[in-house]
Amino acid sequence: MTEGPQTDAGPRRYVANLTEGTGPAFDFFASWISGFILGFGLDWLFGTQPVFTIIGIIAGAVSGFIKLYRASDVLVEGRTDD
């Protein structure tokens, strides 16, 4: 009894779904980290205490949430702004 060619669409679809979620997650955390590093560097350069670090973390968080919102909008509705 032969059923035809076996395809591994299940595992491939699983990996595709996994990569759709990890890309925006890395962008989200990269925004936080880059804001922290830039703020920390400015604090070190100007000799201030955590002023620029806090501003950088807040700016990175806002940027990360905007990127995450845009990515979720594309993933859920399948539309792009092109």
Protein backbone atom coordinates (compact mmCIF):
# COMPACT_ATOMS: atom_id res chain seq x y z
CA MET A 1 0.00 0.00 0.00
CA THR A 2 1.63 3.22 -1.18
CA GLU A 3 0.25 6.60 -0.31
CA GLY A 4 2.28 8.86 -2.57
CA PRO A 5 5.25 11.01 -1.77
CA GLN A 6 5.74 11.93 1.83
CA THR A 7 6.39 15.61 2.46
CA ASP A 8 7.75 17.14 5.58
CA ALA A 9 5.51 20.21 5.37
CA GLY A 10 4.73 19.93 9.07
CA PRO A 11 8.28 20.50 10.33
CA ARG A 12 8.95 23.10 7.66
CA ARG A 13 5.85 25.03 8.63
CA TYR A 14 6.86 24.79 12.28
CA VAL A 15 10.27 26.30 11.52
CA ALA A 16 8.67 29.00 9.37
CA ASN A 17 6.32 29.94 12.21
CA LEU A 18 9.22 29.93 14.64
CA THR A 19 11.26 32.34 12.53
CA GLU A 20 8.30 34.67 12.06
CA GLY A 21 8.19 35.21 15.81
CA THR A 22 11.88 35.30 16.63
CA GLY A 23 12.76 38.10 14.21
CA PRO A 24 10.48 40.68 15.84
CA ALA A 25 11.52 39.46 19.29
CA PHE A 26 15.19 40.03 18.50
CA ASP A 27 14.36 43.49 17.11
CA PHE A 28 12.46 44.28 20.30
CA PHE A 29 15.31 43.33 22.61
CA ALA A 30 17.93 44.89 20.32
CA SER A 31 16.13 48.22 20.63
CA TRP A 32 16.27 48.03 24.43
CA ILE A 33 19.93 47.01 24.44
CA SER A 34 21.02 49.64 21.93
CA GLY A 35 19.19 52.38 23.85
CA PHE A 36 20.92 51.27 27.03
CA ILE A 37 24.37 51.14 25.42
CA LEU A 38 24.00 54.52 23.73
CA GLY A 39 22.74 56.12 26.93
CA PHE A 40 25.49 54.54 28.99
CA GLY A 41 28.09 55.73 26.50
CA LEU A 42 26.76 59.28 26.60
CA ASP A 43 26.78 59.21 30.39
CA TRP A 44 30.39 58.06 30.36
CA LEU A 45 31.34 60.68 27.74
CA PHE A 46 29.73 63.63 29.50
CA GLY A 47 30.40 62.43 33.06
CA THR A 48 26.74 62.48 34.05
CA GLN A 49 25.09 59.88 36.21
CA PRO A 50 22.27 57.72 34.83
CA VAL A 51 20.45 60.56 33.03
CA PHE A 52 21.22 59.49 29.46
CA THR A 53 21.03 55.82 30.37
CA ILE A 54 17.45 56.22 31.54
CA ILE A 55 16.57 58.32 28.49
CA GLY A 56 18.19 55.70 26.24
CA ILE A 57 16.31 52.84 27.87
CA ILE A 58 12.99 54.68 27.51
CA ALA A 59 13.73 55.58 23.88
CA GLY A 60 14.76 51.99 23.16
CA ALA A 61 11.60 50.67 24.80
CA VAL A 62 9.39 52.98 22.74
CA SER A 63 11.23 52.02 19.58
CA GLY A 64 10.99 48.32 20.45
CA PHE A 65 7.26 48.50 21.09
CA ILE A 66 6.69 50.35 17.82
CA LYS A 67 8.68 47.72 15.91
CA LEU A 68 6.82 44.93 17.70
CA TYR A 69 3.45 46.52 16.94
CA ARG A 70 4.31 46.91 13.25
CA ALA A 71 5.56 43.33 13.04
CA SER A 72 2.44 41.96 14.73
CA ASP A 73 0.24 43.98 12.39
CA VAL A 74 1.98 42.42 9.40
CA LEU A 75 1.91 38.91 10.88
CA VAL A 76 -1.75 39.00 11.89
CA GLU A 77 -3.25 40.76 8.90
CA GLY A 78 -0.64 39.86 6.31
CA ARG A 79 -0.37 43.41 5.01
CA THR A 80 2.60 45.62 4.37
CA ASP A 81 3.03 49.36 4.00
CA ASP A 82 4.62 49.08 0.52
